[in-house]
Amino acid sequence: MTDVSRKEAEEILTIASKLITEHRADEHGDSFKMTAALWSDYLGIQISEEEFCICLALMKIARSKLGRKVKDHYVDGAAYMALAGSATLNKPEPAK
């Protein structure tokens, strides 16, 4: 990876980090739990917050493959994967 591409990757991650910690978090609140519950009810299967975030990341992957090449797809995809990781890693371990 060249220094130029590393710089672009760093910029994508920096913007994604700001989106989930500042702008959108303030604007939309924690809507993932509610949306996952709504999807679960609508589809008739249980959708976790992690799965919801991964589905949104997959949508961004599809857009990056089929649509115009815009930074937003990669920024949002990185943000959704970070949120999926957070949802999973902060989940309490099941009792044994």
PDB file of N, CA and C in Angstrom:
ATOM      1  N   MET A   1       0.851  -1.170   0.000  1.00  0.00           N
ATOM      2  CA  MET A   1       0.000   0.000   0.000  1.00  0.00           C
ATOM      3  C   MET A   1       0.897   1.233   0.000  1.00  0.00           C
ATOM      4  N   THR A   2       0.599   2.163  -0.853  1.00  0.00           N
ATOM      5  CA  THR A   2       1.413   3.375  -0.941  1.00  0.00           C
ATOM      6  C   THR A   2       1.047   4.358   0.156  1.00  0.00           C
ATOM      7  N   ASP A   3       1.918   5.338   0.371  1.00  0.00           N
ATOM      8  CA  ASP A   3       1.636   6.368   1.369  1.00  0.00           C
ATOM      9  C   ASP A   3       0.366   7.128   1.034  1.00  0.00           C
ATOM     10  N   VAL A   4       0.115   7.338  -0.268  1.00  0.00           N
ATOM     11  CA  VAL A   4      -1.096   8.048  -0.692  1.00  0.00           C
ATOM     12  C   VAL A   4      -2.335   7.247  -0.323  1.00  0.00           C
ATOM     13  N   SER A   5      -2.352   5.944  -0.584  1.00  0.00           N
ATOM     14  CA  SER A   5      -3.527   5.131  -0.280  1.00  0.00           C
ATOM     15  C   SER A   5      -3.697   4.950   1.227  1.00  0.00           C
ATOM     16  N   ARG A   6      -2.592   4.907   1.965  1.00  0.00           N
ATOM     17  CA  ARG A   6      -2.698   4.844   3.428  1.00  0.00           C
ATOM     18  C   ARG A   6      -3.346   6.109   3.972  1.00  0.00           C
ATOM     19  N   LYS A   7      -2.982   7.237   3.405  1.00  0.00           N
ATOM     20  CA  LYS A   7      -3.548   8.516   3.845  1.00  0.00           C
ATOM     21  C   LYS A   7      -5.049   8.548   3.578  1.00  0.00           C
ATOM     22  N   GLU A   8      -5.463   8.052   2.418  1.00  0.00           N
ATOM     23  CA  GLU A   8      -6.894   7.996   2.085  1.00  0.00           C
ATOM     24  C   GLU A   8      -7.636   7.060   3.039  1.00  0.00           C
ATOM     25  N   ALA A   9      -7.040   5.906   3.336  1.00  0.00           N
ATOM     26  CA  ALA A   9      -7.660   4.961   4.275  1.00  0.00           C
ATOM     27  C   ALA A   9      -7.788   5.589   5.659  1.00  0.00           C
ATOM     28  N   GLU A  10      -6.760   6.295   6.084  1.00  0.00           N
ATOM     29  CA  GLU A  10      -6.806   6.972   7.381  1.00  0.00           C
ATOM     30  C   GLU A  10      -7.907   8.030   7.406  1.00  0.00           C
ATOM     31  N   GLU A  11      -8.056   8.758   6.309  1.00  0.00           N
ATOM     32  CA  GLU A  11      -9.104   9.787   6.231  1.00  0.00           C
ATOM     33  C   GLU A  11     -10.497   9.154   6.306  1.00  0.00           C
ATOM     34  N   ILE A  12     -10.701   8.042   5.614  1.00  0.00           N
ATOM     35  CA  ILE A  12     -11.985   7.340   5.652  1.00  0.00           C
ATOM     36  C   ILE A  12     -12.314   6.917   7.083  1.00  0.00           C
ATOM     37  N   LEU A  13     -11.341   6.341   7.775  1.00  0.00           N
ATOM     38  CA  LEU A  13     -11.580   5.899   9.151  1.00  0.00           C
ATOM     39  C   LEU A  13     -11.796   7.072  10.103  1.00  0.00           C
ATOM     40  N   THR A  14     -11.092   8.172   9.878  1.00  0.00           N
ATOM     41  CA  THR A  14     -11.264   9.356  10.725  1.00  0.00           C
ATOM     42  C   THR A  14     -12.669   9.927  10.568  1.00  0.00           C
ATOM     43  N   ILE A  15     -13.134  10.029   9.342  1.00  0.00           N
ATOM     44  CA  ILE A  15     -14.487  10.544   9.089  1.00  0.00           C
ATOM     45  C   ILE A  15     -15.523   9.599   9.686  1.00  0.00           C
ATOM     46  N   ALA A  16     -15.330   8.281   9.483  1.00  0.00           N
ATOM     47  CA  ALA A  16     -16.266   7.289  10.035  1.00  0.00           C
ATOM     48  C   ALA A  16     -16.324   7.398  11.552  1.00  0.00           C
ATOM     49  N   SER A  17     -15.179   7.572  12.185  1.00  0.00           N
ATOM     50  CA  SER A  17     -15.134   7.708  13.638  1.00  0.00           C
ATOM     51  C   SER A  17     -15.907   8.938  14.110  1.00  0.00           C
ATOM     52  N   LYS A  18     -15.746  10.028  13.414  1.00  0.00           N
ATOM     53  CA  LYS A  18     -16.475  11.249  13.774  1.00  0.00           C
ATOM     54  C   LYS A  18     -17.978  11.072  13.592  1.00  0.00           C
ATOM     55  N   LEU A  19     -18.373  10.348  12.554  1.00  0.00           N
ATOM     56  CA  LEU A  19     -19.801  10.125  12.314  1.00  0.00           C
ATOM     57  C   LEU A  19     -20.460   9.378  13.454  1.00  0.00           C
ATOM     58  N   ILE A  20     -19.788   8.357  13.961  1.00  0.00           N
ATOM     59  CA  ILE A  20     -20.432   7.536  14.995  1.00  0.00           C
ATOM     60  C   ILE A  20     -20.249   8.100  16.397  1.00  0.00           C
ATOM     61  N   THR A  21     -19.320   9.028  16.560  1.00  0.00           N
ATOM     62  CA  THR A  21     -19.106   9.584  17.895  1.00  0.00           C
ATOM     63  C   THR A  21     -19.645  11.000  18.033  1.00  0.00           C
ATOM     64  N   GLU A  22     -19.901  11.666  16.931  1.00  0.00           N
ATOM     65  CA  GLU A  22     -20.339  13.057  17.010  1.00  0.00           C
ATOM     66  C   GLU A  22     -21.647  13.275  16.260  1.00  0.00           C
ATOM     67  N   HIS A  23     -21.539  13.521  14.966  1.00  0.00           N
ATOM     68  CA  HIS A  23     -22.647  14.006  14.158  1.00  0.00           C
ATOM     69  C   HIS A  23     -23.900  13.146  14.211  1.00  0.00           C
ATOM     70  N   ARG A  24     -23.835  11.961  13.688  1.00  0.00           N
ATOM     71  CA  ARG A  24     -25.038  11.128  13.581  1.00  0.00           C
ATOM     72  C   ARG A  24     -25.516  10.613  14.927  1.00  0.00           C
ATOM     73  N   ALA A  25     -24.592  10.380  15.829  1.00  0.00           N
ATOM     74  CA  ALA A  25     -25.006   9.915  17.161  1.00  0.00           C
ATOM     75  C   ALA A  25     -25.886  10.964  17.826  1.00  0.00           C
ATOM     76  N   ASP A  26     -25.516  12.222  17.695  1.00  0.00           N
ATOM     77  CA  ASP A  26     -26.321  13.306  18.271  1.00  0.00           C
ATOM     78  C   ASP A  26     -27.635  13.469  17.530  1.00  0.00           C
ATOM     79  N   GLU A  27     -27.581  13.335  16.226  1.00  0.00           N
ATOM     80  CA  GLU A  27     -28.750  13.577  15.382  1.00  0.00           C
ATOM     81  C   GLU A  27     -29.800  12.477  15.491  1.00  0.00           C
ATOM     82  N   HIS A  28     -29.360  11.212  15.507  1.00  0.00           N
ATOM     83  CA  HIS A  28     -30.291  10.083  15.435  1.00  0.00           C
ATOM     84  C   HIS A  28     -30.438   9.311  16.736  1.00  0.00           C
ATOM     85  N   GLY A  29     -29.560   9.526  17.674  1.00  0.00           N
ATOM     86  CA  GLY A  29     -29.628   8.757  18.917  1.00  0.00           C
ATOM     87  C   GLY A  29     -29.282   7.294  18.668  1.00  0.00           C
ATOM     88  N   ASP A  30     -29.610   6.445  19.612  1.00  0.00           N
ATOM     89  CA  ASP A  30     -29.316   5.014  19.499  1.00  0.00           C
ATOM     90  C   ASP A  30     -30.519   4.309  18.887  1.00  0.00           C
ATOM     91  N   SER A  31     -30.650   4.435  17.583  1.00  0.00           N
ATOM     92  CA  SER A  31     -31.817   3.874  16.893  1.00  0.00           C
ATOM     93  C   SER A  31     -31.604   2.436  16.432  1.00  0.00           C
ATOM     94  N   PHE A  32     -30.392   1.893  16.569  1.00  0.00           N
ATOM     95  CA  PHE A  32     -30.115   0.561  16.046  1.00  0.00           C
ATOM     96  C   PHE A  32     -30.921  -0.514  16.766  1.00  0.00           C
ATOM     97  N   LYS A  33     -31.024  -0.407  18.074  1.00  0.00           N
ATOM     98  CA  LYS A  33     -31.777  -1.413  18.837  1.00  0.00           C
ATOM     99  C   LYS A  33     -33.241  -1.415  18.399  1.00  0.00           C
ATOM    100  N   MET A  34     -33.828  -0.216  18.255  1.00  0.00           N
ATOM    101  CA  MET A  34     -35.228  -0.124  17.851  1.00  0.00           C
ATOM    102  C   MET A  34     -35.419  -0.627  16.414  1.00  0.00           C
ATOM    103  N   THR A  35     -34.515  -0.248  15.524  1.00  0.00           N
ATOM    104  CA  THR A  35     -34.649  -0.676  14.127  1.00  0.00           C
ATOM    105  C   THR A  35     -34.460  -2.181  14.006  1.00  0.00           C
ATOM    106  N   ALA A  36     -33.516  -2.747  14.737  1.00  0.00           N
ATOM    107  CA  ALA A  36     -33.337  -4.209  14.728  1.00  0.00           C
ATOM    108  C   ALA A  36     -34.608  -4.900  15.209  1.00  0.00           C
ATOM    109  N   ALA A  37     -35.254  -4.342  16.231  1.00  0.00           N
ATOM    110  CA  ALA A  37     -36.510  -4.919  16.736  1.00  0.00           C
ATOM    111  C   ALA A  37     -37.615  -4.811  15.690  1.00  0.00           C
ATOM    112  N   LEU A  38     -37.692  -3.692  15.001  1.00  0.00           N
ATOM    113  CA  LEU A  38     -38.704  -3.514  13.947  1.00  0.00           C
ATOM    114  C   LEU A  38     -38.467  -4.487  12.793  1.00  0.00           C
ATOM    115  N   TRP A  39     -37.205  -4.639  12.378  1.00  0.00           N
ATOM    116  CA  TRP A  39     -36.881  -5.598  11.326  1.00  0.00           C
ATOM    117  C   TRP A  39     -37.254  -7.000  11.780  1.00  0.00           C
ATOM    118  N   SER A  40     -36.960  -7.326  13.029  1.00  0.00           N
ATOM    119  CA  SER A  40     -37.283  -8.649  13.568  1.00  0.00           C
ATOM    120  C   SER A  40     -38.777  -8.914  13.490  1.00  0.00           C
ATOM    121  N   ASP A  41     -39.566  -7.941  13.929  1.00  0.00           N
ATOM    122  CA  ASP A  41     -41.028  -8.097  13.870  1.00  0.00           C
ATOM    123  C   ASP A  41     -41.511  -8.237  12.432  1.00  0.00           C
ATOM    124  N   TYR A  42     -40.989  -7.403  11.553  1.00  0.00           N
ATOM    125  CA  TYR A  42     -41.425  -7.418  10.156  1.00  0.00           C
ATOM    126  C   TYR A  42     -41.046  -8.725   9.457  1.00  0.00           C
ATOM    127  N   LEU A  43     -39.813  -9.194   9.671  1.00  0.00           N
ATOM    128  CA  LEU A  43     -39.329 -10.397   8.991  1.00  0.00           C
ATOM    129  C   LEU A  43     -39.748 -11.691   9.686  1.00  0.00           C
ATOM    130  N   GLY A  44     -40.158 -11.585  10.944  1.00  0.00           N
ATOM    131  CA  GLY A  44     -40.553 -12.780  11.679  1.00  0.00           C
ATOM    132  C   GLY A  44     -39.377 -13.619  12.145  1.00  0.00           C
ATOM    133  N   ILE A  45     -38.196 -13.025  12.174  1.00  0.00           N
ATOM    134  CA  ILE A  45     -36.994 -13.684  12.701  1.00  0.00           C
ATOM    135  C   ILE A  45     -36.249 -12.676  13.567  1.00  0.00           C
ATOM    136  N   GLN A  46     -35.441 -13.170  14.473  1.00  0.00           N
ATOM    137  CA  GLN A  46     -34.702 -12.283  15.360  1.00  0.00           C
ATOM    138  C   GLN A  46     -33.501 -11.682  14.628  1.00  0.00           C
ATOM    139  N   ILE A  47     -33.403 -10.343  14.615  1.00  0.00           N
ATOM    140  CA  ILE A  47     -32.262  -9.627  14.036  1.00  0.00           C
ATOM    141  C   ILE A  47     -31.566  -8.899  15.178  1.00  0.00           C
ATOM    142  N   SER A  48     -30.298  -9.178  15.369  1.00  0.00           N
ATOM    143  CA  SER A  48     -29.548  -8.503  16.435  1.00  0.00           C
ATOM    144  C   SER A  48     -29.060  -7.140  15.936  1.00  0.00           C
ATOM    145  N   GLU A  49     -28.612  -6.314  16.864  1.00  0.00           N
ATOM    146  CA  GLU A  49     -28.032  -5.028  16.478  1.00  0.00           C
ATOM    147  C   GLU A  49     -26.819  -5.245  15.585  1.00  0.00           C
ATOM    148  N   GLU A  50     -26.010  -6.244  15.902  1.00  0.00           N
ATOM    149  CA  GLU A  50     -24.835  -6.560  15.087  1.00  0.00           C
ATOM    150  C   GLU A  50     -25.250  -6.917  13.658  1.00  0.00           C
ATOM    151  N   GLU A  51     -26.238  -7.783  13.524  1.00  0.00           N
ATOM    152  CA  GLU A  51     -26.700  -8.187  12.190  1.00  0.00           C
ATOM    153  C   GLU A  51     -27.269  -6.998  11.422  1.00  0.00           C
ATOM    154  N   PHE A  52     -27.996  -6.134  12.118  1.00  0.00           N
ATOM    155  CA  PHE A  52     -28.535  -4.931  11.489  1.00  0.00           C
ATOM    156  C   PHE A  52     -27.405  -4.075  10.919  1.00  0.00           C
ATOM    157  N   CYS A  53     -26.363  -3.845  11.723  1.00  0.00           N
ATOM    158  CA  CYS A  53     -25.232  -3.036  11.263  1.00  0.00           C
ATOM    159  C   CYS A  53     -24.511  -3.698  10.086  1.00  0.00           C
ATOM    160  N   ILE A  54     -24.355  -5.011  10.156  1.00  0.00           N
ATOM    161  CA  ILE A  54     -23.686  -5.726   9.057  1.00  0.00           C
ATOM    162  C   ILE A  54     -24.515  -5.631   7.781  1.00  0.00           C
ATOM    163  N   CYS A  55     -25.835  -5.724   7.896  1.00  0.00           N
ATOM    164  CA  CYS A  55     -26.694  -5.574   6.714  1.00  0.00           C
ATOM    165  C   CYS A  55     -26.524  -4.189   6.088  1.00  0.00           C
ATOM    166  N   LEU A  56     -26.416  -3.166   6.919  1.00  0.00           N
ATOM    167  CA  LEU A  56     -26.199  -1.821   6.390  1.00  0.00           C
ATOM    168  C   LEU A  56     -24.827  -1.715   5.716  1.00  0.00           C
ATOM    169  N   ALA A  57     -23.810  -2.359   6.299  1.00  0.00           N
ATOM    170  CA  ALA A  57     -22.489  -2.373   5.676  1.00  0.00           C
ATOM    171  C   ALA A  57     -22.543  -3.106   4.334  1.00  0.00           C
ATOM    172  N   LEU A  58     -23.296  -4.202   4.274  1.00  0.00           N
ATOM    173  CA  LEU A  58     -23.448  -4.931   3.004  1.00  0.00           C
ATOM    174  C   LEU A  58     -24.140  -4.078   1.943  1.00  0.00           C
ATOM    175  N   MET A  59     -25.092  -3.245   2.363  1.00  0.00           N
ATOM    176  CA  MET A  59     -25.734  -2.327   1.421  1.00  0.00           C
ATOM    177  C   MET A  59     -24.693  -1.365   0.853  1.00  0.00           C
ATOM    178  N   LYS A  60     -23.796  -0.868   1.702  1.00  0.00           N
ATOM    179  CA  LYS A  60     -22.756   0.046   1.235  1.00  0.00           C
ATOM    180  C   LYS A  60     -21.779  -0.674   0.310  1.00  0.00           C
ATOM    181  N   ILE A  61     -21.499  -1.943   0.590  1.00  0.00           N
ATOM    182  CA  ILE A  61     -20.639  -2.728  -0.298  1.00  0.00           C
ATOM    183  C   ILE A  61     -21.301  -2.875  -1.664  1.00  0.00           C
ATOM    184  N   ALA A  62     -22.603  -3.177  -1.679  1.00  0.00           N
ATOM    185  CA  ALA A  62     -23.329  -3.293  -2.952  1.00  0.00           C
ATOM    186  C   ALA A  62     -23.291  -1.974  -3.715  1.00  0.00           C
ATOM    187  N   ARG A  63     -23.508  -0.882  -3.024  1.00  0.00           N
ATOM    188  CA  ARG A  63     -23.473   0.431  -3.683  1.00  0.00           C
ATOM    189  C   ARG A  63     -22.092   0.734  -4.238  1.00  0.00           C
ATOM    190  N   SER A  64     -21.042   0.316  -3.521  1.00  0.00           N
ATOM    191  CA  SER A  64     -19.683   0.584  -4.011  1.00  0.00           C
ATOM    192  C   SER A  64     -19.382  -0.252  -5.256  1.00  0.00           C
ATOM    193  N   LYS A  65     -20.034  -1.397  -5.368  1.00  0.00           N
ATOM    194  CA  LYS A  65     -19.813  -2.262  -6.532  1.00  0.00           C
ATOM    195  C   LYS A  65     -20.645  -1.831  -7.733  1.00  0.00           C
ATOM    196  N   LEU A  66     -21.870  -1.392  -7.476  1.00  0.00           N
ATOM    197  CA  LEU A  66     -22.797  -1.134  -8.572  1.00  0.00           C
ATOM    198  C   LEU A  66     -22.949   0.341  -8.939  1.00  0.00           C
ATOM    199  N   GLY A  67     -22.673   1.197  -7.998  1.00  0.00           N
ATOM    200  CA  GLY A  67     -22.927   2.616  -8.228  1.00  0.00           C
ATOM    201  C   GLY A  67     -21.654   3.392  -8.531  1.00  0.00           C
ATOM    202  N   ARG A  68     -21.800   4.703  -8.426  1.00  0.00           N
ATOM    203  CA  ARG A  68     -20.632   5.571  -8.597  1.00  0.00           C
ATOM    204  C   ARG A  68     -19.658   5.322  -7.464  1.00  0.00           C
ATOM    205  N   LYS A  69     -18.408   5.527  -7.710  1.00  0.00           N
ATOM    206  CA  LYS A  69     -17.371   5.363  -6.691  1.00  0.00           C
ATOM    207  C   LYS A  69     -17.298   6.655  -5.886  1.00  0.00           C
ATOM    208  N   VAL A  70     -17.937   6.649  -4.722  1.00  0.00           N
ATOM    209  CA  VAL A  70     -17.931   7.814  -3.852  1.00  0.00           C
ATOM    210  C   VAL A  70     -17.434   7.409  -2.465  1.00  0.00           C
ATOM    211  N   LYS A  71     -16.736   8.317  -1.821  1.00  0.00           N
ATOM    212  CA  LYS A  71     -16.133   8.051  -0.522  1.00  0.00           C
ATOM    213  C   LYS A  71     -17.178   7.661   0.523  1.00  0.00           C
ATOM    214  N   ASP A  72     -18.383   8.196   0.421  1.00  0.00           N
ATOM    215  CA  ASP A  72     -19.451   7.945   1.388  1.00  0.00           C
ATOM    216  C   ASP A  72     -19.703   6.452   1.602  1.00  0.00           C
ATOM    217  N   HIS A  73     -19.655   5.656   0.537  1.00  0.00           N
ATOM    218  CA  HIS A  73     -19.883   4.213   0.677  1.00  0.00           C
ATOM    219  C   HIS A  73     -18.869   3.590   1.637  1.00  0.00           C
ATOM    220  N   TYR A  74     -17.630   3.990   1.509  1.00  0.00           N
ATOM    221  CA  TYR A  74     -16.554   3.405   2.300  1.00  0.00           C
ATOM    222  C   TYR A  74     -16.551   3.948   3.727  1.00  0.00           C
ATOM    223  N   VAL A  75     -16.855   5.231   3.867  1.00  0.00           N
ATOM    224  CA  VAL A  75     -16.942   5.840   5.196  1.00  0.00           C
ATOM    225  C   VAL A  75     -18.070   5.182   5.987  1.00  0.00           C
ATOM    226  N   ASP A  76     -19.257   5.150   5.404  1.00  0.00           N
ATOM    227  CA  ASP A  76     -20.402   4.563   6.101  1.00  0.00           C
ATOM    228  C   ASP A  76     -20.206   3.077   6.358  1.00  0.00           C
ATOM    229  N   GLY A  77     -19.635   2.362   5.383  1.00  0.00           N
ATOM    230  CA  GLY A  77     -19.371   0.933   5.571  1.00  0.00           C
ATOM    231  C   GLY A  77     -18.433   0.680   6.740  1.00  0.00           C
ATOM    232  N   ALA A  78     -17.381   1.490   6.849  1.00  0.00           N
ATOM    233  CA  ALA A  78     -16.443   1.362   7.967  1.00  0.00           C
ATOM    234  C   ALA A  78     -17.144   1.666   9.293  1.00  0.00           C
ATOM    235  N   ALA A  79     -17.979   2.693   9.290  1.00  0.00           N
ATOM    236  CA  ALA A  79     -18.703   3.067  10.507  1.00  0.00           C
ATOM    237  C   ALA A  79     -19.661   1.953  10.926  1.00  0.00           C
ATOM    238  N   TYR A  80     -20.397   1.388   9.969  1.00  0.00           N
ATOM    239  CA  TYR A  80     -21.346   0.313  10.307  1.00  0.00           C
ATOM    240  C   TYR A  80     -20.620  -0.914  10.850  1.00  0.00           C
ATOM    241  N   MET A  81     -19.468  -1.258  10.292  1.00  0.00           N
ATOM    242  CA  MET A  81     -18.718  -2.408  10.797  1.00  0.00           C
ATOM    243  C   MET A  81     -18.177  -2.144  12.195  1.00  0.00           C
ATOM    244  N   ALA A  82     -17.752  -0.910  12.455  1.00  0.00           N
ATOM    245  CA  ALA A  82     -17.292  -0.565  13.802  1.00  0.00           C
ATOM    246  C   ALA A  82     -18.438  -0.697  14.802  1.00  0.00           C
ATOM    247  N   LEU A  83     -19.614  -0.241  14.411  1.00  0.00           N
ATOM    248  CA  LEU A  83     -20.781  -0.346  15.287  1.00  0.00           C
ATOM    249  C   LEU A  83     -21.191  -1.804  15.487  1.00  0.00           C
ATOM    250  N   ALA A  84     -21.061  -2.623  14.442  1.00  0.00           N
ATOM    251  CA  ALA A  84     -21.356  -4.060  14.577  1.00  0.00           C
ATOM    252  C   ALA A  84     -20.389  -4.700  15.564  1.00  0.00           C
ATOM    253  N   GLY A  85     -19.118  -4.355  15.447  1.00  0.00           N
ATOM    254  CA  GLY A  85     -18.121  -4.882  16.376  1.00  0.00           C
ATOM    255  C   GLY A  85     -18.407  -4.458  17.801  1.00  0.00           C
ATOM    256  N   SER A  86     -18.775  -3.210  17.971  1.00  0.00           N
ATOM    257  CA  SER A  86     -19.093  -2.700  19.306  1.00  0.00           C
ATOM    258  C   SER A  86     -20.306  -3.416  19.894  1.00  0.00           C
ATOM    259  N   ALA A  87     -21.330  -3.626  19.078  1.00  0.00           N
ATOM    260  CA  ALA A  87     -22.534  -4.321  19.548  1.00  0.00           C
ATOM    261  C   ALA A  87     -22.201  -5.737  19.996  1.00  0.00           C
ATOM    262  N   THR A  88     -21.302  -6.391  19.292  1.00  0.00           N
ATOM    263  CA  THR A  88     -20.934  -7.770  19.615  1.00  0.00           C
ATOM    264  C   THR A  88     -20.003  -7.839  20.816  1.00  0.00           C
ATOM    265  N   LEU A  89     -18.982  -7.008  20.815  1.00  0.00           N
ATOM    266  CA  LEU A  89     -17.973  -7.070  21.865  1.00  0.00           C
ATOM    267  C   LEU A  89     -18.476  -6.574  23.211  1.00  0.00           C
ATOM    268  N   ASN A  90     -19.537  -5.765  23.197  1.00  0.00           N
ATOM    269  CA  ASN A  90     -20.097  -5.261  24.452  1.00  0.00           C
ATOM    270  C   ASN A  90     -21.286  -6.069  24.945  1.00  0.00           C
ATOM    271  N   LYS A  91     -21.582  -7.162  24.239  1.00  0.00           N
ATOM    272  CA  LYS A  91     -22.679  -8.038  24.643  1.00  0.00           C
ATOM    273  C   LYS A  91     -22.225  -8.911  25.809  1.00  0.00           C
ATOM    274  N   PRO A  92     -23.029  -9.011  26.853  1.00  0.00           N
ATOM    275  CA  PRO A  92     -22.623  -9.875  27.970  1.00  0.00           C
ATOM    276  C   PRO A  92     -22.515 -11.331  27.535  1.00  0.00           C
ATOM    277  N   GLU A  93     -21.574 -12.021  28.119  1.00  0.00           N
ATOM    278  CA  GLU A  93     -21.394 -13.450  27.836  1.00  0.00           C
ATOM    279  C   GLU A  93     -22.584 -14.212  28.401  1.00  0.00           C
ATOM    280  N   PRO A  94     -23.103 -15.224  27.670  1.00  0.00           N
ATOM    281  CA  PRO A  94     -24.211 -16.027  28.198  1.00  0.00           C
ATOM    282  C   PRO A  94     -23.782 -16.795  29.446  1.00  0.00           C
ATOM    283  N   ALA A  95     -24.700 -16.932  30.360  1.00  0.00           N
ATOM    284  CA  ALA A  95     -24.423 -17.685  31.594  1.00  0.00           C
ATOM    285  C   ALA A  95     -24.246 -19.162  31.264  1.00  0.00           C
ATOM    286  N   LYS A  96     -23.339 -19.793  31.969  1.00  0.00           N
ATOM    287  CA  LYS A  96     -23.079 -21.224  31.733  1.00  0.00           C
ATOM    288  C   LYS A  96     -23.773 -22.076  32.751  1.00  0.00           C
TER     289      LYS A  96
END
